[in-house]
Amino acid sequence: MPPVFDSLIGNLMVPTILFFVLGLIAAAVRSDLSIPEGAAKFMSLYLLLAIGFKGGHSLADHGLSSDVFLALGAGLALSFLIPFIAFALLRVMTRLDAMNAAAVAGHYGSISIVTFVAASSLLELSGVSSDGFMVAVAATMEVPAILSALWIAHRFGKDTGAGCVPLRELFANGSIVLLTGAFVIGAVTQEKGMEMIAPFVVTPFTGILCLFLLDMGLNAGRSLLRNRHFLSLGLFSFGLLMPIIGAVLGLCLGAAIGLQTGSIFLLMVLSASASYIAVPAAMRIALPQAEAGIYLTLSLGVTFPFNITVGLPLYLWLASLV
């Protein structure tokens, strides 16, 4: 078998990804397997806290430098730019009207924090290091894409019924508050803080992530089955093509500013992922006439499974070439 396939398969055959696949299979066979809602909520809070704290601790070791500001600038630029590329592709590949295309495009410029957490775990399992400040990059990429999507909707849409999304609501999003808060605490407490809570944020991390991705696999599979009538061939193709385009943009920009392999990989993942939490909430307020079944099915039912099962190993292999 060629080395490239050996590398891709090796990156794919890890417990976190395989538990996600198990969830997809369970949903496909209509299994009654489920994770209690309270447990799923706890796991999401735990993962955000752990990845944020470890990122802050890593930044404290690294220190503020030009690398940090270059990476933050790259993340902001990608988050603003990608919705415009996504919108243009949607208008060519699908029959979506401008309002729905703008709503979908905003999801692809923002990020999936679950995909980012899974990518961070894959790096740890693969023994590849990354910079702690990439957690801060993830946090900065949540909002700009929403602003780009709203501008596109106002510029190209007719009678969108678009409302105003208060910036306070965007920045007060629970995942952003916990992620950035834990990041700051990890940076402030440094080594002493890590020694105090390492048994909580390090040792059980991979096991809890496996359970969480099992639940995400169940949700993604059931969402796809429930909303498959929304998926035309063009929309489905877009859901697979757009993350690859985003990843390539992240790869080029990450290499241009001199990030290390693990950080390039994480920037690729952030650029390739699609939001299914913060952006849908914003679109329901700002673009109430947009069809939620379209953008949720694409982001959660198509792009998220693709990234977790195929994208992450592919992006890591590409990053390793650089």
C-alpha atoms as a PDB file:
ATOM      1  CA  MET A   1       0.000   0.000   0.000  1.00  0.00           C
ATOM      2  CA  PRO A   2       1.402   3.487  -0.906  1.00  0.00           C
ATOM      3  CA  PRO A   3       2.767   5.473   2.058  1.00  0.00           C
ATOM      4  CA  VAL A   4       0.113   8.170   1.622  1.00  0.00           C
ATOM      5  CA  PHE A   5      -2.685   5.642   2.227  1.00  0.00           C
ATOM      6  CA  ASP A   6      -0.824   4.125   5.160  1.00  0.00           C
ATOM      7  CA  SER A   7      -0.600   7.596   6.710  1.00  0.00           C
ATOM      8  CA  LEU A   8      -4.266   8.435   6.077  1.00  0.00           C
ATOM      9  CA  ILE A   9      -5.518   5.103   7.417  1.00  0.00           C
ATOM     10  CA  GLY A  10      -3.261   5.395  10.463  1.00  0.00           C
ATOM     11  CA  ASN A  11      -4.748   8.813  11.262  1.00  0.00           C
ATOM     12  CA  LEU A  12      -8.262   7.477  10.729  1.00  0.00           C
ATOM     13  CA  MET A  13      -7.901   4.411  12.950  1.00  0.00           C
ATOM     14  CA  VAL A  14      -8.080   6.179  16.300  1.00  0.00           C
ATOM     15  CA  PRO A  15     -10.774   5.670  18.957  1.00  0.00           C
ATOM     16  CA  THR A  16     -12.272   9.172  18.737  1.00  0.00           C
ATOM     17  CA  ILE A  17     -13.023   8.947  15.012  1.00  0.00           C
ATOM     18  CA  LEU A  18     -14.174   5.334  15.197  1.00  0.00           C
ATOM     19  CA  PHE A  19     -16.665   6.116  17.981  1.00  0.00           C
ATOM     20  CA  PHE A  20     -18.117   8.851  15.766  1.00  0.00           C
ATOM     21  CA  VAL A  21     -18.464   6.298  12.955  1.00  0.00           C
ATOM     22  CA  LEU A  22     -20.179   3.961  15.423  1.00  0.00           C
ATOM     23  CA  GLY A  23     -22.720   6.697  16.142  1.00  0.00           C
ATOM     24  CA  LEU A  24     -23.385   7.165  12.418  1.00  0.00           C
ATOM     25  CA  ILE A  25     -23.897   3.419  11.983  1.00  0.00           C
ATOM     26  CA  ALA A  26     -26.224   3.233  14.990  1.00  0.00           C
ATOM     27  CA  ALA A  27     -28.327   6.068  13.546  1.00  0.00           C
ATOM     28  CA  ALA A  28     -28.410   4.413  10.113  1.00  0.00           C
ATOM     29  CA  VAL A  29     -29.772   1.127  11.525  1.00  0.00           C
ATOM     30  CA  ARG A  30     -32.331   3.023  13.666  1.00  0.00           C
ATOM     31  CA  SER A  31     -30.764   1.870  16.949  1.00  0.00           C
ATOM     32  CA  ASP A  32     -32.277   3.173  20.191  1.00  0.00           C
ATOM     33  CA  LEU A  33     -28.772   3.941  21.486  1.00  0.00           C
ATOM     34  CA  SER A  34     -28.702   7.403  23.044  1.00  0.00           C
ATOM     35  CA  ILE A  35     -26.730   9.602  25.425  1.00  0.00           C
ATOM     36  CA  PRO A  36     -28.806  11.413  28.094  1.00  0.00           C
ATOM     37  CA  GLU A  37     -29.140  15.117  27.332  1.00  0.00           C
ATOM     38  CA  GLY A  38     -27.682  16.126  30.687  1.00  0.00           C
ATOM     39  CA  ALA A  39     -24.631  13.928  30.153  1.00  0.00           C
ATOM     40  CA  ALA A  40     -24.093  15.353  26.661  1.00  0.00           C
ATOM     41  CA  LYS A  41     -24.272  18.887  28.054  1.00  0.00           C
ATOM     42  CA  PHE A  42     -21.738  18.060  30.764  1.00  0.00           C
ATOM     43  CA  MET A  43     -19.358  16.506  28.231  1.00  0.00           C
ATOM     44  CA  SER A  44     -19.506  19.563  25.964  1.00  0.00           C
ATOM     45  CA  LEU A  45     -18.776  21.867  28.925  1.00  0.00           C
ATOM     46  CA  TYR A  46     -15.925  19.627  30.058  1.00  0.00           C
ATOM     47  CA  LEU A  47     -14.304  19.529  26.612  1.00  0.00           C
ATOM     48  CA  LEU A  48     -14.481  23.297  26.181  1.00  0.00           C
ATOM     49  CA  LEU A  49     -13.004  23.839  29.645  1.00  0.00           C
ATOM     50  CA  ALA A  50     -10.216  21.305  29.124  1.00  0.00           C
ATOM     51  CA  ILE A  51      -9.142  22.446  25.659  1.00  0.00           C
ATOM     52  CA  GLY A  52      -9.298  26.106  26.691  1.00  0.00           C
ATOM     53  CA  PHE A  53      -7.308  25.598  29.890  1.00  0.00           C
ATOM     54  CA  LYS A  54      -4.630  23.510  28.176  1.00  0.00           C
ATOM     55  CA  GLY A  55      -4.354  26.104  25.403  1.00  0.00           C
ATOM     56  CA  GLY A  56      -3.886  28.925  27.903  1.00  0.00           C
ATOM     57  CA  HIS A  57      -1.266  26.920  29.768  1.00  0.00           C
ATOM     58  CA  SER A  58       0.574  26.275  26.508  1.00  0.00           C
ATOM     59  CA  LEU A  59       0.450  29.980  25.599  1.00  0.00           C
ATOM     60  CA  ALA A  60       1.965  30.858  29.002  1.00  0.00           C
ATOM     61  CA  ASP A  61       4.886  28.588  28.162  1.00  0.00           C
ATOM     62  CA  HIS A  62       5.176  30.024  24.658  1.00  0.00           C
ATOM     63  CA  GLY A  63       4.740  33.694  25.567  1.00  0.00           C
ATOM     64  CA  LEU A  64       3.328  36.511  23.444  1.00  0.00           C
ATOM     65  CA  SER A  65       5.145  36.907  20.163  1.00  0.00           C
ATOM     66  CA  SER A  66       4.593  37.921  16.562  1.00  0.00           C
ATOM     67  CA  ASP A  67       3.447  34.347  15.848  1.00  0.00           C
ATOM     68  CA  VAL A  68       0.402  34.876  18.050  1.00  0.00           C
ATOM     69  CA  PHE A  69      -0.710  38.065  16.311  1.00  0.00           C
ATOM     70  CA  LEU A  70      -0.030  36.669  12.842  1.00  0.00           C
ATOM     71  CA  ALA A  71      -2.160  33.614  13.611  1.00  0.00           C
ATOM     72  CA  LEU A  72      -4.982  35.736  15.028  1.00  0.00           C
ATOM     73  CA  GLY A  73      -4.883  37.957  11.937  1.00  0.00           C
ATOM     74  CA  ALA A  74      -4.926  34.917   9.663  1.00  0.00           C
ATOM     75  CA  GLY A  75      -7.943  33.493  11.482  1.00  0.00           C
ATOM     76  CA  LEU A  76      -9.872  36.758  11.237  1.00  0.00           C
ATOM     77  CA  ALA A  77      -9.069  37.120   7.529  1.00  0.00           C
ATOM     78  CA  LEU A  78     -10.198  33.576   6.763  1.00  0.00           C
ATOM     79  CA  SER A  79     -13.419  33.954   8.722  1.00  0.00           C
ATOM     80  CA  PHE A  80     -14.304  37.145   6.799  1.00  0.00           C
ATOM     81  CA  LEU A  81     -13.280  35.770   3.386  1.00  0.00           C
ATOM     82  CA  ILE A  82     -14.659  32.227   3.323  1.00  0.00           C
ATOM     83  CA  PRO A  83     -18.381  33.206   3.356  1.00  0.00           C
ATOM     84  CA  PHE A  84     -17.896  35.151   0.105  1.00  0.00           C
ATOM     85  CA  ILE A  85     -16.290  32.119  -1.553  1.00  0.00           C
ATOM     86  CA  ALA A  86     -19.009  29.837  -0.198  1.00  0.00           C
ATOM     87  CA  PHE A  87     -21.747  32.184  -1.425  1.00  0.00           C
ATOM     88  CA  ALA A  88     -20.291  32.304  -4.942  1.00  0.00           C
ATOM     89  CA  LEU A  89     -20.031  28.501  -5.056  1.00  0.00           C
ATOM     90  CA  LEU A  90     -23.584  28.034  -3.828  1.00  0.00           C
ATOM     91  CA  ARG A  91     -24.943  30.357  -6.503  1.00  0.00           C
ATOM     92  CA  VAL A  92     -23.135  28.331  -9.175  1.00  0.00           C
ATOM     93  CA  MET A  93     -23.688  24.806  -7.830  1.00  0.00           C
ATOM     94  CA  THR A  94     -27.223  25.078  -6.433  1.00  0.00           C
ATOM     95  CA  ARG A  95     -30.556  26.772  -6.970  1.00  0.00           C
ATOM     96  CA  LEU A  96     -30.609  28.426  -3.567  1.00  0.00           C
ATOM     97  CA  ASP A  97     -31.859  32.002  -3.460  1.00  0.00           C
ATOM     98  CA  ALA A  98     -29.501  34.710  -2.217  1.00  0.00           C
ATOM     99  CA  MET A  99     -30.918  34.748   1.312  1.00  0.00           C
ATOM    100  CA  ASN A 100     -30.533  31.001   1.924  1.00  0.00           C
ATOM    101  CA  ALA A 101     -27.143  30.966   0.198  1.00  0.00           C
ATOM    102  CA  ALA A 102     -25.955  33.788   2.482  1.00  0.00           C
ATOM    103  CA  ALA A 103     -27.199  31.927   5.567  1.00  0.00           C
ATOM    104  CA  VAL A 104     -25.366  28.753   4.525  1.00  0.00           C
ATOM    105  CA  ALA A 105     -22.208  30.705   3.635  1.00  0.00           C
ATOM    106  CA  GLY A 106     -22.043  32.187   7.136  1.00  0.00           C
ATOM    107  CA  HIS A 107     -21.872  28.704   8.637  1.00  0.00           C
ATOM    108  CA  TYR A 108     -18.811  27.819   6.570  1.00  0.00           C
ATOM    109  CA  GLY A 109     -16.855  30.909   7.530  1.00  0.00           C
ATOM    110  CA  SER A 110     -17.402  30.232  11.213  1.00  0.00           C
ATOM    111  CA  ILE A 111     -16.081  27.201  13.097  1.00  0.00           C
ATOM    112  CA  SER A 112     -17.121  23.945  14.715  1.00  0.00           C
ATOM    113  CA  ILE A 113     -15.516  23.826  18.136  1.00  0.00           C
ATOM    114  CA  VAL A 114     -16.231  20.076  18.381  1.00  0.00           C
ATOM    115  CA  THR A 115     -14.231  19.473  15.197  1.00  0.00           C
ATOM    116  CA  PHE A 116     -11.435  21.598  16.658  1.00  0.00           C
ATOM    117  CA  VAL A 117     -11.435  19.562  19.874  1.00  0.00           C
ATOM    118  CA  ALA A 118     -11.354  16.308  17.897  1.00  0.00           C
ATOM    119  CA  ALA A 119      -8.466  17.668  15.825  1.00  0.00           C
ATOM    120  CA  SER A 120      -6.545  18.629  18.982  1.00  0.00           C
ATOM    121  CA  SER A 121      -7.047  15.111  20.318  1.00  0.00           C
ATOM    122  CA  LEU A 122      -5.827  13.610  17.035  1.00  0.00           C
ATOM    123  CA  LEU A 123      -2.645  15.681  17.313  1.00  0.00           C
ATOM    124  CA  GLU A 124      -2.031  14.382  20.838  1.00  0.00           C
ATOM    125  CA  LEU A 125      -2.604  10.781  19.778  1.00  0.00           C
ATOM    126  CA  SER A 126      -0.289  11.287  16.786  1.00  0.00           C
ATOM    127  CA  GLY A 127       2.444  12.909  18.886  1.00  0.00           C
ATOM    128  CA  VAL A 128       2.343  16.163  16.878  1.00  0.00           C
ATOM    129  CA  SER A 129       2.753  19.426  18.798  1.00  0.00           C
ATOM    130  CA  SER A 130       0.810  22.636  18.207  1.00  0.00           C
ATOM    131  CA  ASP A 131       0.728  26.145  19.628  1.00  0.00           C
ATOM    132  CA  GLY A 132      -1.597  26.855  22.542  1.00  0.00           C
ATOM    133  CA  PHE A 133      -2.667  30.165  21.055  1.00  0.00           C
ATOM    134  CA  MET A 134      -4.655  28.290  18.376  1.00  0.00           C
ATOM    135  CA  VAL A 135      -7.473  28.148  20.935  1.00  0.00           C
ATOM    136  CA  ALA A 136      -7.590  31.944  20.812  1.00  0.00           C
ATOM    137  CA  VAL A 137      -7.640  31.784  17.008  1.00  0.00           C
ATOM    138  CA  ALA A 138     -10.670  29.487  17.222  1.00  0.00           C
ATOM    139  CA  ALA A 139     -12.488  31.968  19.438  1.00  0.00           C
ATOM    140  CA  THR A 140     -11.804  34.902  17.095  1.00  0.00           C
ATOM    141  CA  MET A 141     -13.172  33.032  14.051  1.00  0.00           C
ATOM    142  CA  GLU A 142     -16.701  32.599  15.431  1.00  0.00           C
ATOM    143  CA  VAL A 143     -18.202  36.042  14.781  1.00  0.00           C
ATOM    144  CA  PRO A 144     -16.644  37.614  11.612  1.00  0.00           C
ATOM    145  CA  ALA A 145     -18.342  35.098   9.318  1.00  0.00           C
ATOM    146  CA  ILE A 146     -21.747  36.067  10.712  1.00  0.00           C
ATOM    147  CA  LEU A 147     -21.087  39.701   9.849  1.00  0.00           C
ATOM    148  CA  SER A 148     -20.003  38.724   6.331  1.00  0.00           C
ATOM    149  CA  ALA A 149     -23.147  36.622   5.844  1.00  0.00           C
ATOM    150  CA  LEU A 150     -25.409  39.467   6.948  1.00  0.00           C
ATOM    151  CA  TRP A 151     -23.678  41.887   4.584  1.00  0.00           C
ATOM    152  CA  ILE A 152     -24.110  39.407   1.698  1.00  0.00           C
ATOM    153  CA  ALA A 153     -27.795  38.950   2.541  1.00  0.00           C
ATOM    154  CA  HIS A 154     -28.416  42.705   2.601  1.00  0.00           C
ATOM    155  CA  ARG A 155     -26.398  43.251  -0.573  1.00  0.00           C
ATOM    156  CA  PHE A 156     -27.798  40.456  -2.746  1.00  0.00           C
ATOM    157  CA  GLY A 157     -31.020  39.352  -1.071  1.00  0.00           C
ATOM    158  CA  LYS A 158     -34.465  40.819  -1.686  1.00  0.00           C
ATOM    159  CA  ASP A 159     -36.900  41.256   1.183  1.00  0.00           C
ATOM    160  CA  THR A 160     -34.705  39.192   3.498  1.00  0.00           C
ATOM    161  CA  GLY A 161     -36.452  40.306   6.658  1.00  0.00           C
ATOM    162  CA  ALA A 162     -32.999  40.477   8.173  1.00  0.00           C
ATOM    163  CA  GLY A 163     -32.851  41.652  11.738  1.00  0.00           C
ATOM    164  CA  CYS A 164     -30.023  42.966  13.851  1.00  0.00           C
ATOM    165  CA  VAL A 165     -28.045  40.496  15.929  1.00  0.00           C
ATOM    166  CA  PRO A 166     -26.716  42.298  19.036  1.00  0.00           C
ATOM    167  CA  LEU A 167     -22.963  41.867  19.297  1.00  0.00           C
ATOM    168  CA  ARG A 168     -23.436  41.165  22.989  1.00  0.00           C
ATOM    169  CA  GLU A 169     -25.375  38.017  22.115  1.00  0.00           C
ATOM    170  CA  LEU A 170     -22.650  36.854  19.735  1.00  0.00           C
ATOM    171  CA  PHE A 171     -19.779  37.399  22.149  1.00  0.00           C
ATOM    172  CA  ALA A 172     -21.811  36.094  25.107  1.00  0.00           C
ATOM    173  CA  ASN A 173     -22.331  32.736  23.385  1.00  0.00           C
ATOM    174  CA  GLY A 174     -21.758  30.096  26.049  1.00  0.00           C
ATOM    175  CA  SER A 175     -19.133  28.106  24.131  1.00  0.00           C
ATOM    176  CA  ILE A 176     -17.087  31.256  23.458  1.00  0.00           C
ATOM    177  CA  VAL A 177     -17.345  32.465  27.073  1.00  0.00           C
ATOM    178  CA  LEU A 178     -16.210  29.115  28.520  1.00  0.00           C
ATOM    179  CA  LEU A 179     -13.493  28.523  25.926  1.00  0.00           C
ATOM    180  CA  THR A 180     -11.919  31.969  26.247  1.00  0.00           C
ATOM    181  CA  GLY A 181     -12.440  32.081  30.024  1.00  0.00           C
ATOM    182  CA  ALA A 182     -10.702  28.737  30.536  1.00  0.00           C
ATOM    183  CA  PHE A 183      -7.957  29.888  28.160  1.00  0.00           C
ATOM    184  CA  VAL A 184      -7.322  33.018  30.236  1.00  0.00           C
ATOM    185  CA  ILE A 185      -7.362  31.043  33.497  1.00  0.00           C
ATOM    186  CA  GLY A 186      -4.871  28.543  32.080  1.00  0.00           C
ATOM    187  CA  ALA A 187      -2.594  31.365  30.948  1.00  0.00           C
ATOM    188  CA  VAL A 188      -2.799  33.180  34.306  1.00  0.00           C
ATOM    189  CA  THR A 189      -2.331  30.169  36.602  1.00  0.00           C
ATOM    190  CA  GLN A 190       0.398  28.660  34.400  1.00  0.00           C
ATOM    191  CA  GLU A 191       2.192  25.563  35.676  1.00  0.00           C
ATOM    192  CA  LYS A 192       0.730  25.721  39.167  1.00  0.00           C
ATOM    193  CA  GLY A 193      -2.799  25.677  37.811  1.00  0.00           C
ATOM    194  CA  MET A 194      -2.055  22.759  35.500  1.00  0.00           C
ATOM    195  CA  GLU A 195      -0.604  20.708  38.355  1.00  0.00           C
ATOM    196  CA  MET A 196      -3.764  21.297  40.386  1.00  0.00           C
ATOM    197  CA  ILE A 197      -6.321  20.155  37.788  1.00  0.00           C
ATOM    198  CA  ALA A 198      -4.305  17.913  35.448  1.00  0.00           C
ATOM    199  CA  PRO A 199      -6.059  14.763  36.738  1.00  0.00           C
ATOM    200  CA  PHE A 200      -9.339  16.349  35.585  1.00  0.00           C
ATOM    201  CA  VAL A 201      -8.435  18.030  32.279  1.00  0.00           C
ATOM    202  CA  VAL A 202      -5.780  15.609  30.974  1.00  0.00           C
ATOM    203  CA  THR A 203      -6.335  12.010  32.082  1.00  0.00           C
ATOM    204  CA  PRO A 204     -10.052  11.526  31.257  1.00  0.00           C
ATOM    205  CA  PHE A 205     -10.051  13.796  28.192  1.00  0.00           C
ATOM    206  CA  THR A 206      -9.854  11.183  25.410  1.00  0.00           C
ATOM    207  CA  GLY A 207     -12.405   8.861  27.007  1.00  0.00           C
ATOM    208  CA  ILE A 208     -14.966  11.638  27.437  1.00  0.00           C
ATOM    209  CA  LEU A 209     -14.302  12.825  23.881  1.00  0.00           C
ATOM    210  CA  CYS A 210     -15.042   9.300  22.595  1.00  0.00           C
ATOM    211  CA  LEU A 211     -18.440   9.322  24.323  1.00  0.00           C
ATOM    212  CA  PHE A 212     -19.162  12.836  23.107  1.00  0.00           C
ATOM    213  CA  LEU A 213     -18.334  11.981  19.496  1.00  0.00           C
ATOM    214  CA  LEU A 214     -20.491   8.872  19.753  1.00  0.00           C
ATOM    215  CA  ASP A 215     -23.381  11.183  20.664  1.00  0.00           C
ATOM    216  CA  MET A 216     -22.464  13.577  17.847  1.00  0.00           C
ATOM    217  CA  GLY A 217     -22.431  10.683  15.391  1.00  0.00           C
ATOM    218  CA  LEU A 218     -25.925   9.699  16.506  1.00  0.00           C
ATOM    219  CA  ASN A 219     -27.179  13.296  16.146  1.00  0.00           C
ATOM    220  CA  ALA A 220     -25.538  13.850  12.759  1.00  0.00           C
ATOM    221  CA  GLY A 221     -26.828  10.562  11.357  1.00  0.00           C
ATOM    222  CA  ARG A 222     -30.377  11.136  12.571  1.00  0.00           C
ATOM    223  CA  SER A 223     -30.377  14.738  11.326  1.00  0.00           C
ATOM    224  CA  LEU A 224     -29.283  13.552   7.893  1.00  0.00           C
ATOM    225  CA  LEU A 225     -32.008  10.906   7.752  1.00  0.00           C
ATOM    226  CA  ARG A 226     -34.665  13.333   8.964  1.00  0.00           C
ATOM    227  CA  ASN A 227     -33.771  16.187   6.582  1.00  0.00           C
ATOM    228  CA  ARG A 228     -32.418  14.336   3.563  1.00  0.00           C
ATOM    229  CA  HIS A 229     -35.210  15.768   1.370  1.00  0.00           C
ATOM    230  CA  PHE A 230     -33.410  19.136   1.502  1.00  0.00           C
ATOM    231  CA  LEU A 231     -30.269  17.722  -0.089  1.00  0.00           C
ATOM    232  CA  SER A 232     -29.988  18.138  -3.835  1.00  0.00           C
ATOM    233  CA  LEU A 233     -26.904  16.772  -5.590  1.00  0.00           C
ATOM    234  CA  GLY A 234     -25.487  20.302  -5.813  1.00  0.00           C
ATOM    235  CA  LEU A 235     -25.983  21.005  -2.106  1.00  0.00           C
ATOM    236  CA  PHE A 236     -24.502  17.663  -1.088  1.00  0.00           C
ATOM    237  CA  SER A 237     -21.489  18.243  -3.359  1.00  0.00           C
ATOM    238  CA  PHE A 238     -21.019  21.708  -1.873  1.00  0.00           C
ATOM    239  CA  GLY A 239     -21.027  20.219   1.639  1.00  0.00           C
ATOM    240  CA  LEU A 240     -18.071  18.025   0.648  1.00  0.00           C
ATOM    241  CA  LEU A 241     -16.188  20.498  -1.560  1.00  0.00           C
ATOM    242  CA  MET A 242     -16.314  23.610   0.625  1.00  0.00           C
ATOM    243  CA  PRO A 243     -14.397  22.141   3.602  1.00  0.00           C
ATOM    244  CA  ILE A 244     -11.592  21.088   1.259  1.00  0.00           C
ATOM    245  CA  ILE A 245     -11.407  24.607  -0.191  1.00  0.00           C
ATOM    246  CA  GLY A 246     -11.353  26.087   3.305  1.00  0.00           C
ATOM    247  CA  ALA A 247      -8.639  23.662   4.397  1.00  0.00           C
ATOM    248  CA  VAL A 248      -6.457  24.560   1.410  1.00  0.00           C
ATOM    249  CA  LEU A 249      -6.823  28.271   2.212  1.00  0.00           C
ATOM    250  CA  GLY A 250      -5.845  27.559   5.827  1.00  0.00           C
ATOM    251  CA  LEU A 251      -2.880  25.492   4.669  1.00  0.00           C
ATOM    252  CA  CYS A 252      -1.582  28.229   2.367  1.00  0.00           C
ATOM    253  CA  LEU A 253      -2.012  31.023   4.908  1.00  0.00           C
ATOM    254  CA  GLY A 254      -0.633  28.961   7.793  1.00  0.00           C
ATOM    255  CA  ALA A 255       2.458  28.040   5.794  1.00  0.00           C
ATOM    256  CA  ALA A 256       2.887  31.642   4.641  1.00  0.00           C
ATOM    257  CA  ILE A 257       3.052  32.981   8.203  1.00  0.00           C
ATOM    258  CA  GLY A 258       5.374  30.181   9.320  1.00  0.00           C
ATOM    259  CA  LEU A 259       3.205  28.129  11.685  1.00  0.00           C
ATOM    260  CA  GLN A 260       4.430  24.710  12.781  1.00  0.00           C
ATOM    261  CA  THR A 261       2.817  21.546  11.411  1.00  0.00           C
ATOM    262  CA  GLY A 262       0.302  21.028  14.220  1.00  0.00           C
ATOM    263  CA  SER A 263      -0.820  24.654  14.140  1.00  0.00           C
ATOM    264  CA  ILE A 264      -1.182  24.610  10.352  1.00  0.00           C
ATOM    265  CA  PHE A 265      -3.371  21.532  10.748  1.00  0.00           C
ATOM    266  CA  LEU A 266      -5.563  23.263  13.335  1.00  0.00           C
ATOM    267  CA  LEU A 267      -5.907  26.370  11.132  1.00  0.00           C
ATOM    268  CA  MET A 268      -6.926  24.073   8.261  1.00  0.00           C
ATOM    269  CA  VAL A 269      -9.526  22.409  10.478  1.00  0.00           C
ATOM    270  CA  LEU A 270     -10.937  25.751  11.615  1.00  0.00           C
ATOM    271  CA  SER A 271     -11.149  26.937   8.008  1.00  0.00           C
ATOM    272  CA  ALA A 272     -12.764  23.673   6.874  1.00  0.00           C
ATOM    273  CA  SER A 273     -15.364  23.290   9.610  1.00  0.00           C
ATOM    274  CA  ALA A 274     -18.916  24.630   9.620  1.00  0.00           C
ATOM    275  CA  SER A 275     -20.749  25.978  12.650  1.00  0.00           C
ATOM    276  CA  TYR A 276     -23.928  24.258  13.833  1.00  0.00           C
ATOM    277  CA  ILE A 277     -24.373  26.006  17.201  1.00  0.00           C
ATOM    278  CA  ALA A 278     -23.571  29.737  17.272  1.00  0.00           C
ATOM    279  CA  VAL A 279     -24.318  30.630  13.646  1.00  0.00           C
ATOM    280  CA  PRO A 280     -27.713  28.848  13.469  1.00  0.00           C
ATOM    281  CA  ALA A 281     -28.756  30.759  16.588  1.00  0.00           C
ATOM    282  CA  ALA A 282     -27.670  34.030  14.973  1.00  0.00           C
ATOM    283  CA  MET A 283     -29.356  33.230  11.648  1.00  0.00           C
ATOM    284  CA  ARG A 284     -32.666  32.516  13.348  1.00  0.00           C
ATOM    285  CA  ILE A 285     -32.608  36.106  14.617  1.00  0.00           C
ATOM    286  CA  ALA A 286     -30.970  37.881  11.692  1.00  0.00           C
ATOM    287  CA  LEU A 287     -32.377  35.938   8.717  1.00  0.00           C
ATOM    288  CA  PRO A 288     -35.654  34.471   9.991  1.00  0.00           C
ATOM    289  CA  GLN A 289     -36.875  33.603   6.484  1.00  0.00           C
ATOM    290  CA  ALA A 290     -33.857  31.388   5.750  1.00  0.00           C
ATOM    291  CA  GLU A 291     -34.633  27.666   5.843  1.00  0.00           C
ATOM    292  CA  ALA A 292     -32.996  26.180   8.947  1.00  0.00           C
ATOM    293  CA  GLY A 293     -33.330  22.653   7.577  1.00  0.00           C
ATOM    294  CA  ILE A 294     -30.944  23.513   4.753  1.00  0.00           C
ATOM    295  CA  TYR A 295     -28.057  25.044   6.672  1.00  0.00           C
ATOM    296  CA  LEU A 296     -28.308  22.650   9.635  1.00  0.00           C
ATOM    297  CA  THR A 297     -28.443  19.569   7.408  1.00  0.00           C
ATOM    298  CA  LEU A 298     -25.423  20.736   5.431  1.00  0.00           C
ATOM    299  CA  SER A 299     -23.269  21.707   8.410  1.00  0.00           C
ATOM    300  CA  LEU A 300     -24.228  18.919  10.830  1.00  0.00           C
ATOM    301  CA  GLY A 301     -25.354  16.153   8.470  1.00  0.00           C
ATOM    302  CA  VAL A 302     -22.796  16.434   5.654  1.00  0.00           C
ATOM    303  CA  THR A 303     -19.736  18.562   6.433  1.00  0.00           C
ATOM    304  CA  PHE A 304     -19.292  17.560  10.084  1.00  0.00           C
ATOM    305  CA  PRO A 305     -19.250  13.776   9.398  1.00  0.00           C
ATOM    306  CA  PHE A 306     -16.975  14.322   6.393  1.00  0.00           C
ATOM    307  CA  ASN A 307     -14.492  16.343   8.438  1.00  0.00           C
ATOM    308  CA  ILE A 308     -14.422  13.918  11.364  1.00  0.00           C
ATOM    309  CA  THR A 309     -14.082  10.722   9.331  1.00  0.00           C
ATOM    310  CA  VAL A 310     -12.147  11.762   6.221  1.00  0.00           C
ATOM    311  CA  GLY A 311     -11.134  15.404   6.572  1.00  0.00           C
ATOM    312  CA  LEU A 312      -9.043  15.275   9.753  1.00  0.00           C
ATOM    313  CA  PRO A 313      -6.706  12.479   8.536  1.00  0.00           C
ATOM    314  CA  LEU A 314      -6.456  14.153   5.116  1.00  0.00           C
ATOM    315  CA  TYR A 315      -5.691  17.608   6.547  1.00  0.00           C
ATOM    316  CA  LEU A 316      -3.075  16.210   8.936  1.00  0.00           C
ATOM    317  CA  TRP A 317      -1.341  14.413   6.083  1.00  0.00           C
ATOM    318  CA  LEU A 318      -1.352  17.586   3.957  1.00  0.00           C
ATOM    319  CA  ALA A 319      -0.032  19.682   6.850  1.00  0.00           C
ATOM    320  CA  SER A 320       2.774  17.166   7.411  1.00  0.00           C
ATOM    321  CA  LEU A 321       3.911  17.672   3.819  1.00  0.00           C
ATOM    322  CA  VAL A 322       4.486  21.367   4.560  1.00  0.00           C
END
